[in-house]
C-alpha atoms as a PDB file:
ATOM      1  CA  MET A   1      19.576  64.300 -72.410  1.00  0.00           C
ATOM      2  CA  LYS A   2      20.995  63.695 -68.950  1.00  0.00           C
ATOM      3  CA  HIS A   3      24.723  64.206 -68.400  1.00  0.00           C
ATOM      4  CA  ILE A   4      26.929  62.025 -66.171  1.00  0.00           C
ATOM      5  CA  LEU A   5      30.483  62.849 -65.062  1.00  0.00           C
ATOM      6  CA  ILE A   6      32.626  59.771 -64.378  1.00  0.00           C
ATOM      7  CA  SER A   7      35.921  59.498 -62.495  1.00  0.00           C
ATOM      8  CA  ASN A   8      37.892  56.965 -60.446  1.00  0.00           C
ATOM      9  CA  ASP A   9      41.116  56.521 -58.464  1.00  0.00           C
ATOM     10  CA  ASP A  10      42.631  53.576 -60.371  1.00  0.00           C
ATOM     11  CA  GLY A  11      43.610  55.620 -63.401  1.00  0.00           C
ATOM     12  CA  TYR A  12      42.087  56.292 -66.801  1.00  0.00           C
ATOM     13  CA  GLU A  13      42.990  52.865 -68.243  1.00  0.00           C
ATOM     14  CA  SER A  14      41.540  50.722 -65.448  1.00  0.00           C
ATOM     15  CA  VAL A  15      39.202  47.870 -66.355  1.00  0.00           C
ATOM     16  CA  GLY A  16      36.618  48.987 -63.803  1.00  0.00           C
ATOM     17  CA  LEU A  17      36.405  52.472 -65.304  1.00  0.00           C
ATOM     18  CA  LEU A  18      35.986  51.142 -68.831  1.00  0.00           C
ATOM     19  CA  LYS A  19      33.275  48.704 -67.668  1.00  0.00           C
ATOM     20  CA  LEU A  20      31.469  51.598 -65.962  1.00  0.00           C
ATOM     21  CA  ILE A  21      31.546  53.723 -69.113  1.00  0.00           C
ATOM     22  CA  ALA A  22      30.192  50.849 -71.203  1.00  0.00           C
ATOM     23  CA  ALA A  23      27.371  50.220 -68.713  1.00  0.00           C
ATOM     24  CA  LEU A  24      26.147  53.827 -68.710  1.00  0.00           C
ATOM     25  CA  LYS A  25      26.902  55.220 -72.173  1.00  0.00           C
ATOM     26  CA  ASP A  26      23.396  54.655 -73.527  1.00  0.00           C
ATOM     27  CA  LEU A  27      21.660  56.151 -70.477  1.00  0.00           C
ATOM     28  CA  ALA A  28      23.139  59.644 -70.676  1.00  0.00           C
ATOM     29  CA  HIS A  29      25.831  61.778 -72.229  1.00  0.00           C
ATOM     30  CA  ILE A  30      29.093  60.720 -70.576  1.00  0.00           C
ATOM     31  CA  THR A  31      32.111  62.866 -69.725  1.00  0.00           C
ATOM     32  CA  VAL A  32      35.118  61.139 -68.158  1.00  0.00           C
ATOM     33  CA  VAL A  33      37.878  62.852 -66.181  1.00  0.00           C
ATOM     34  CA  ALA A  34      40.171  60.372 -64.438  1.00  0.00           C
ATOM     35  CA  PRO A  35      43.666  60.473 -62.938  1.00  0.00           C
ATOM     36  CA  ALA A  36      46.533  59.768 -65.324  1.00  0.00           C
ATOM     37  CA  THR A  37      47.977  57.269 -62.827  1.00  0.00           C
ATOM     38  CA  GLU A  38      46.622  55.205 -59.954  1.00  0.00           C
ATOM     39  CA  LYS A  39      45.726  57.329 -56.915  1.00  0.00           C
ATOM     40  CA  SER A  40      44.364  54.673 -54.547  1.00  0.00           C
ATOM     41  CA  ALA A  41      44.055  55.669 -50.872  1.00  0.00           C
ATOM     42  CA  CYS A  42      44.784  59.331 -51.607  1.00  0.00           C
ATOM     43  CA  GLY A  43      41.671  60.382 -49.698  1.00  0.00           C
ATOM     44  CA  HIS A  44      39.966  63.700 -50.270  1.00  0.00           C
ATOM     45  CA  SER A  45      43.128  65.497 -51.367  1.00  0.00           C
ATOM     46  CA  LEU A  46      43.546  68.418 -53.757  1.00  0.00           C
ATOM     47  CA  THR A  47      46.806  69.235 -55.528  1.00  0.00           C
ATOM     48  CA  LEU A  48      48.149  72.635 -54.465  1.00  0.00           C
ATOM     49  CA  ASN A  49      51.898  72.341 -55.092  1.00  0.00           C
ATOM     50  CA  HIS A  50      52.107  71.867 -58.865  1.00  0.00           C
ATOM     51  CA  PRO A  51      50.023  72.660 -61.973  1.00  0.00           C
ATOM     52  CA  LEU A  52      47.464  70.256 -63.444  1.00  0.00           C
ATOM     53  CA  SER A  53      46.690  69.596 -67.104  1.00  0.00           C
ATOM     54  CA  PHE A  54      43.769  67.998 -68.929  1.00  0.00           C
ATOM     55  CA  VAL A  55      44.994  65.534 -71.574  1.00  0.00           C
ATOM     56  CA  SER A  56      42.405  64.424 -74.144  1.00  0.00           C
ATOM     57  CA  VAL A  57      42.140  60.645 -74.514  1.00  0.00           C
ATOM     58  CA  ASP A  58      38.976  60.524 -76.633  1.00  0.00           C
ATOM     59  CA  ASP A  59      35.809  62.543 -77.165  1.00  0.00           C
ATOM     60  CA  ASP A  60      34.696  63.799 -73.730  1.00  0.00           C
ATOM     61  CA  PHE A  61      37.353  61.590 -72.122  1.00  0.00           C
ATOM     62  CA  TYR A  62      40.270  63.232 -70.314  1.00  0.00           C
ATOM     63  CA  LYS A  63      43.070  62.154 -68.049  1.00  0.00           C
ATOM     64  CA  LEU A  64      44.254  64.682 -65.496  1.00  0.00           C
ATOM     65  CA  ASP A  65      48.022  64.701 -65.433  1.00  0.00           C
ATOM     66  CA  ASN A  66      49.306  64.502 -61.820  1.00  0.00           C
ATOM     67  CA  GLY A  67      45.738  64.870 -60.516  1.00  0.00           C
ATOM     68  CA  THR A  68      43.792  63.170 -57.729  1.00  0.00           C
ATOM     69  CA  PRO A  69      40.144  62.068 -57.992  1.00  0.00           C
ATOM     70  CA  SER A  70      39.076  65.195 -56.089  1.00  0.00           C
ATOM     71  CA  ASP A  71      41.103  67.310 -58.535  1.00  0.00           C
ATOM     72  CA  CYS A  72      39.305  65.578 -61.416  1.00  0.00           C
ATOM     73  CA  ILE A  73      35.859  66.473 -60.106  1.00  0.00           C
ATOM     74  CA  TYR A  74      36.799  69.957 -58.918  1.00  0.00           C
ATOM     75  CA  LEU A  75      38.420  70.993 -62.201  1.00  0.00           C
ATOM     76  CA  ALA A  76      35.839  69.258 -64.399  1.00  0.00           C
ATOM     77  CA  LEU A  77      32.998  71.143 -62.721  1.00  0.00           C
ATOM     78  CA  HIS A  78      34.813  74.458 -63.033  1.00  0.00           C
ATOM     79  CA  SER A  79      36.265  73.991 -66.529  1.00  0.00           C
ATOM     80  CA  LEU A  80      34.119  71.562 -68.519  1.00  0.00           C
ATOM     81  CA  PHE A  81      30.717  72.332 -66.998  1.00  0.00           C
ATOM     82  CA  GLU A  82      30.693  76.115 -66.802  1.00  0.00           C
ATOM     83  CA  GLN A  83      27.172  76.453 -68.247  1.00  0.00           C
ATOM     84  CA  HIS A  84      25.331  73.336 -67.050  1.00  0.00           C
ATOM     85  CA  LYS A  85      26.374  71.063 -64.199  1.00  0.00           C
ATOM     86  CA  PRO A  86      26.157  67.282 -64.668  1.00  0.00           C
ATOM     87  CA  ASP A  87      23.039  65.541 -63.411  1.00  0.00           C
ATOM     88  CA  LEU A  88      25.072  62.847 -61.664  1.00  0.00           C
ATOM     89  CA  ILE A  89      28.635  61.904 -60.771  1.00  0.00           C
ATOM     90  CA  VAL A  90      29.711  58.258 -60.639  1.00  0.00           C
ATOM     91  CA  SER A  91      33.132  57.238 -59.298  1.00  0.00           C
ATOM     92  CA  GLY A  92      34.575  53.773 -59.927  1.00  0.00           C
ATOM     93  CA  ILE A  93      34.375  50.924 -60.478  1.00  0.00           C
ATOM     94  CA  ASN A  94      37.134  50.662 -57.877  1.00  0.00           C
ATOM     95  CA  HIS A  95      39.413  47.625 -57.733  1.00  0.00           C
ATOM     96  CA  GLY A  96      38.854  46.685 -54.086  1.00  0.00           C
ATOM     97  CA  SER A  97      36.344  47.410 -51.347  1.00  0.00           C
ATOM     98  CA  ASN A  98      35.697  50.717 -49.586  1.00  0.00           C
ATOM     99  CA  MET A  99      33.833  49.918 -46.385  1.00  0.00           C
ATOM    100  CA  GLY A 100      33.838  51.170 -42.813  1.00  0.00           C
ATOM    101  CA  GLU A 101      36.522  53.731 -42.017  1.00  0.00           C
ATOM    102  CA  ASP A 102      38.347  52.794 -45.225  1.00  0.00           C
ATOM    103  CA  ILE A 103      35.977  55.304 -46.819  1.00  0.00           C
ATOM    104  CA  THR A 104      38.150  58.078 -45.367  1.00  0.00           C
ATOM    105  CA  TYR A 105      41.207  56.759 -47.258  1.00  0.00           C
ATOM    106  CA  SER A 106      39.379  56.146 -50.506  1.00  0.00           C
ATOM    107  CA  GLY A 107      39.998  58.263 -53.577  1.00  0.00           C
ATOM    108  CA  THR A 108      36.913  56.646 -55.105  1.00  0.00           C
ATOM    109  CA  ALA A 109      34.711  57.868 -52.265  1.00  0.00           C
ATOM    110  CA  ALA A 110      36.506  61.236 -52.288  1.00  0.00           C
ATOM    111  CA  ALA A 111      35.432  61.907 -55.879  1.00  0.00           C
ATOM    112  CA  ALA A 112      31.801  61.361 -54.839  1.00  0.00           C
ATOM    113  CA  MET A 113      32.358  63.511 -51.750  1.00  0.00           C
ATOM    114  CA  GLU A 114      33.731  66.315 -53.916  1.00  0.00           C
ATOM    115  CA  GLY A 115      30.667  65.997 -56.098  1.00  0.00           C
ATOM    116  CA  VAL A 116      28.118  66.404 -53.313  1.00  0.00           C
ATOM    117  CA  ILE A 117      30.079  69.332 -51.853  1.00  0.00           C
ATOM    118  CA  HIS A 118      29.348  71.069 -55.167  1.00  0.00           C
ATOM    119  CA  GLY A 119      25.697  70.077 -55.060  1.00  0.00           C
ATOM    120  CA  ILE A 120      25.825  67.193 -57.561  1.00  0.00           C
ATOM    121  CA  PRO A 121      24.246  63.812 -56.655  1.00  0.00           C
ATOM    122  CA  SER A 122      27.076  61.290 -56.524  1.00  0.00           C
ATOM    123  CA  ILE A 123      27.714  57.547 -56.311  1.00  0.00           C
ATOM    124  CA  ALA A 124      30.945  55.709 -55.440  1.00  0.00           C
ATOM    125  CA  VAL A 125      31.168  52.077 -56.609  1.00  0.00           C
ATOM    126  CA  SER A 126      33.736  49.515 -55.443  1.00  0.00           C
ATOM    127  CA  GLN A 127      34.273  45.855 -56.330  1.00  0.00           C
ATOM    128  CA  VAL A 128      35.322  43.683 -53.379  1.00  0.00           C
ATOM    129  CA  MET A 129      38.362  41.603 -54.375  1.00  0.00           C
ATOM    130  CA  ASP A 130      39.937  38.327 -53.329  1.00  0.00           C
ATOM    131  CA  TYR A 131      43.561  39.027 -54.151  1.00  0.00           C
ATOM    132  CA  THR A 132      44.427  35.309 -53.988  1.00  0.00           C
ATOM    133  CA  LYS A 133      42.072  34.662 -56.921  1.00  0.00           C
ATOM    134  CA  PRO A 134      41.636  36.010 -60.476  1.00  0.00           C
ATOM    135  CA  THR A 135      40.382  39.548 -60.991  1.00  0.00           C
ATOM    136  CA  PRO A 136      36.579  39.590 -61.345  1.00  0.00           C
ATOM    137  CA  ASP A 137      34.970  40.569 -64.638  1.00  0.00           C
ATOM    138  CA  PHE A 138      33.055  43.507 -63.060  1.00  0.00           C
ATOM    139  CA  GLU A 139      29.837  42.344 -64.764  1.00  0.00           C
ATOM    140  CA  LEU A 140      27.794  42.355 -61.538  1.00  0.00           C
ATOM    141  CA  ALA A 141      29.228  45.748 -60.577  1.00  0.00           C
ATOM    142  CA  ALA A 142      28.395  47.178 -64.005  1.00  0.00           C
ATOM    143  CA  SER A 143      24.832  45.835 -64.049  1.00  0.00           C
ATOM    144  CA  THR A 144      24.236  47.000 -60.465  1.00  0.00           C
ATOM    145  CA  VAL A 145      25.433  50.549 -61.031  1.00  0.00           C
ATOM    146  CA  ARG A 146      23.322  50.694 -64.186  1.00  0.00           C
ATOM    147  CA  ILE A 147      20.233  49.815 -62.110  1.00  0.00           C
ATOM    148  CA  LEU A 148      21.079  52.454 -59.502  1.00  0.00           C
ATOM    149  CA  VAL A 149      21.785  55.143 -62.098  1.00  0.00           C
ATOM    150  CA  GLN A 150      18.518  54.404 -63.905  1.00  0.00           C
ATOM    151  CA  LYS A 151      16.650  54.800 -60.612  1.00  0.00           C
ATOM    152  CA  VAL A 152      18.366  58.139 -59.965  1.00  0.00           C
ATOM    153  CA  LEU A 153      17.675  59.471 -63.462  1.00  0.00           C
ATOM    154  CA  GLU A 154      14.042  58.360 -63.403  1.00  0.00           C
ATOM    155  CA  GLN A 155      13.075  58.864 -59.739  1.00  0.00           C
ATOM    156  CA  GLY A 156      15.599  61.380 -58.401  1.00  0.00           C
ATOM    157  CA  PHE A 157      18.439  61.038 -55.915  1.00  0.00           C
ATOM    158  CA  PRO A 158      17.302  59.436 -52.634  1.00  0.00           C
ATOM    159  CA  LEU A 159      19.547  61.422 -50.278  1.00  0.00           C
ATOM    160  CA  PRO A 160      19.604  65.020 -48.997  1.00  0.00           C
ATOM    161  CA  PRO A 161      22.398  67.463 -49.906  1.00  0.00           C
ATOM    162  CA  ARG A 162      25.997  66.560 -48.977  1.00  0.00           C
ATOM    163  CA  GLN A 163      25.316  62.851 -48.781  1.00  0.00           C
ATOM    164  CA  PHE A 164      26.447  60.290 -51.372  1.00  0.00           C
ATOM    165  CA  LEU A 165      25.838  56.609 -52.075  1.00  0.00           C
ATOM    166  CA  ASN A 166      28.742  54.278 -51.304  1.00  0.00           C
ATOM    167  CA  VAL A 167      28.259  50.965 -53.124  1.00  0.00           C
ATOM    168  CA  ASN A 168      30.244  47.757 -52.575  1.00  0.00           C
ATOM    169  CA  ILE A 169      29.844  44.689 -54.811  1.00  0.00           C
ATOM    170  CA  PRO A 170      30.426  41.145 -53.479  1.00  0.00           C
ATOM    171  CA  TYR A 171      33.079  38.927 -55.058  1.00  0.00           C
ATOM    172  CA  GLY A 172      32.425  35.697 -56.909  1.00  0.00           C
ATOM    173  CA  VAL A 173      28.670  35.868 -57.493  1.00  0.00           C
ATOM    174  CA  ASP A 174      26.672  36.519 -60.650  1.00  0.00           C
ATOM    175  CA  THR A 175      23.578  38.034 -59.027  1.00  0.00           C
ATOM    176  CA  ALA A 176      23.014  39.730 -55.686  1.00  0.00           C
ATOM    177  CA  GLU A 177      20.265  41.472 -53.762  1.00  0.00           C
ATOM    178  CA  ILE A 178      20.788  45.208 -53.241  1.00  0.00           C
ATOM    179  CA  VAL A 179      20.429  46.225 -49.579  1.00  0.00           C
ATOM    180  CA  SER A 180      20.840  49.474 -47.635  1.00  0.00           C
ATOM    181  CA  THR A 181      23.578  49.366 -44.991  1.00  0.00           C
ATOM    182  CA  TYR A 182      25.504  51.521 -42.575  1.00  0.00           C
ATOM    183  CA  ALA A 183      29.298  51.779 -42.501  1.00  0.00           C
ATOM    184  CA  GLY A 184      30.701  49.141 -40.162  1.00  0.00           C
ATOM    185  CA  TYR A 185      33.502  49.429 -37.610  1.00  0.00           C
ATOM    186  CA  ARG A 186      36.735  48.470 -39.410  1.00  0.00           C
ATOM    187  CA  LEU A 187      39.402  46.686 -37.365  1.00  0.00           C
ATOM    188  CA  TYR A 188      42.946  47.598 -38.300  1.00  0.00           C
ATOM    189  CA  GLY A 189      46.322  46.022 -37.727  1.00  0.00           C
ATOM    190  CA  ASN A 190      49.808  46.834 -38.991  1.00  0.00           C
ATOM    191  CA  ASP A 191      50.781  45.353 -42.325  1.00  0.00           C
ATOM    192  CA  ALA A 192      53.945  47.323 -43.076  1.00  0.00           C
ATOM    193  CA  HIS A 193      56.663  45.102 -44.574  1.00  0.00           C
ATOM    194  CA  LEU A 194      60.300  46.019 -43.983  1.00  0.00           C
ATOM    195  CA  HIS A 195      62.734  45.271 -46.832  1.00  0.00           C
ATOM    196  CA  ARG A 196      66.222  46.292 -47.983  1.00  0.00           C
ATOM    197  CA  ASN A 197      67.255  47.324 -51.448  1.00  0.00           C
ATOM    198  CA  PRO A 198      70.442  45.909 -53.076  1.00  0.00           C
ATOM    199  CA  ARG A 199      72.488  48.662 -51.407  1.00  0.00           C
ATOM    200  CA  GLY A 200      71.175  47.854 -47.965  1.00  0.00           C
ATOM    201  CA  LEU A 201      68.808  50.817 -47.616  1.00  0.00           C
ATOM    202  CA  GLU A 202      65.715  49.977 -45.581  1.00  0.00           C
ATOM    203  CA  TYR A 203      62.238  50.680 -46.972  1.00  0.00           C
ATOM    204  CA  TYR A 204      58.669  49.810 -46.054  1.00  0.00           C
ATOM    205  CA  TRP A 205      55.871  48.541 -48.263  1.00  0.00           C
ATOM    206  CA  LEU A 206      52.346  48.835 -46.901  1.00  0.00           C
ATOM    207  CA  GLY A 207      50.269  45.693 -47.362  1.00  0.00           C
ATOM    208  CA  LEU A 208      46.593  44.807 -47.228  1.00  0.00           C
ATOM    209  CA  HIS A 209      44.629  44.190 -44.053  1.00  0.00           C
ATOM    210  CA  PRO A 210      42.022  41.434 -43.945  1.00  0.00           C
ATOM    211  CA  LEU A 211      38.438  42.747 -43.931  1.00  0.00           C
ATOM    212  CA  GLU A 212      37.910  42.355 -40.202  1.00  0.00           C
ATOM    213  CA  PHE A 213      35.138  44.365 -38.557  1.00  0.00           C
ATOM    214  CA  ARG A 214      32.551  44.581 -35.860  1.00  0.00           C
ATOM    215  CA  THR A 215      29.071  46.043 -35.877  1.00  0.00           C
ATOM    216  CA  ARG A 216      28.213  49.288 -34.117  1.00  0.00           C
ATOM    217  CA  GLU A 217      26.382  48.974 -30.810  1.00  0.00           C
ATOM    218  CA  GLY A 218      22.718  49.894 -30.916  1.00  0.00           C
ATOM    219  CA  GLN A 219      22.630  50.210 -34.701  1.00  0.00           C
ATOM    220  CA  GLU A 220      19.832  48.324 -36.437  1.00  0.00           C
ATOM    221  CA  GLY A 221      20.187  46.627 -39.812  1.00  0.00           C
ATOM    222  CA  LEU A 222      23.202  45.305 -41.663  1.00  0.00           C
ATOM    223  CA  CYS A 223      26.549  47.023 -41.896  1.00  0.00           C
ATOM    224  CA  ASP A 224      28.422  47.045 -45.202  1.00  0.00           C
ATOM    225  CA  PHE A 225      30.773  44.212 -44.155  1.00  0.00           C
ATOM    226  CA  GLU A 226      27.853  41.988 -43.125  1.00  0.00           C
ATOM    227  CA  ALA A 227      26.095  42.547 -46.434  1.00  0.00           C
ATOM    228  CA  ILE A 228      29.224  41.547 -48.367  1.00  0.00           C
ATOM    229  CA  GLU A 229      29.683  38.456 -46.186  1.00  0.00           C
ATOM    230  CA  ARG A 230      26.134  37.446 -47.178  1.00  0.00           C
ATOM    231  CA  ASN A 231      26.867  38.055 -50.887  1.00  0.00           C
ATOM    232  CA  LYS A 232      24.623  41.115 -51.063  1.00  0.00           C
ATOM    233  CA  VAL A 233      25.327  44.459 -52.714  1.00  0.00           C
ATOM    234  CA  SER A 234      25.909  47.049 -49.986  1.00  0.00           C
ATOM    235  CA  VAL A 235      24.580  50.587 -50.551  1.00  0.00           C
ATOM    236  CA  SER A 236      25.408  53.016 -47.743  1.00  0.00           C
ATOM    237  CA  PRO A 237      24.409  56.670 -47.342  1.00  0.00           C
ATOM    238  CA  ILE A 238      27.574  58.599 -46.417  1.00  0.00           C
ATOM    239  CA  GLN A 239      27.530  62.187 -45.198  1.00  0.00           C
ATOM    240  CA  VAL A 240      30.237  64.820 -45.405  1.00  0.00           C
ATOM    241  CA  ASP A 241      29.324  66.242 -41.973  1.00  0.00           C
ATOM    242  CA  MET A 242      31.625  64.434 -39.511  1.00  0.00           C
ATOM    243  CA  SER A 243      30.496  66.287 -36.374  1.00  0.00           C
ATOM    244  CA  ALA A 244      29.964  63.961 -33.399  1.00  0.00           C
ATOM    245  CA  TYR A 245      26.681  65.534 -32.293  1.00  0.00           C
ATOM    246  CA  GLU A 246      26.111  63.056 -29.474  1.00  0.00           C
ATOM    247  CA  SER A 247      29.331  64.317 -27.857  1.00  0.00           C
ATOM    248  CA  LEU A 248      28.495  68.038 -27.956  1.00  0.00           C
ATOM    249  CA  HIS A 249      26.983  68.132 -24.458  1.00  0.00           C
ATOM    250  CA  THR A 250      29.870  66.153 -22.947  1.00  0.00           C
ATOM    251  CA  LEU A 251      32.432  68.342 -24.680  1.00  0.00           C
ATOM    252  CA  GLY A 252      30.613  71.529 -23.597  1.00  0.00           C
ATOM    253  CA  ALA A 253      30.678  70.428 -19.972  1.00  0.00           C
ATOM    254  CA  TRP A 254      34.365  69.529 -20.294  1.00  0.00           C
ATOM    255  CA  CYS A 255      35.189  72.938 -21.778  1.00  0.00           C
ATOM    256  CA  GLU A 256      33.320  74.749 -18.992  1.00  0.00           C
ATOM    257  CA  ALA A 257      34.893  72.746 -16.157  1.00  0.00           C
END
């Protein structure tokens, strides 16, 4: 029987994680290792300054005390899978989108990145949210990831080593076409809110940016933001290699000058 390792960055009690487990539990043997608390936007970070502990929640279900999503995957592969590695890693279902350069902040994407670094096919799944409206039921996200996982288990992973699938689910629709996309160009502003506590001490609270973007010049096809705008499921191939190869010649000439 195939074996799937599941993690997330919203914590071991998140609705998205539980929906993901329910969607996949009859397709393979499931092991879950998730952070004990929410670790959103922690990026691809490992914990080096304090010890980490597995805490059993249920059979093959662990929370990692004080751990990040990358810690969860790293330690699971080295402690729980010493004999046989999992066939697939799935991270999510994240509460909120992970598109464009937001992928670099994402703990959800980081768990998948950690997986492919260790040679395991990996998928990151995120549910786009409208925070002015009720939380979605994750049904479309769950059914979509089930389709993708079935394809991987039956047909093999579609990407070369050190690349993972980054999936974003549109909000407010019951069905959606699945399309391949590239990561769009995210436009950022500053949404830091200054407040004072009852003793007058200033503090900042980082807010949420609107999903503003632009497409990349010369790139064919839809970007992830465009797909979501059109109520399609976005599936993007993301690579760990961040080298800007098209700039090597320019940089070489600059170094020699």
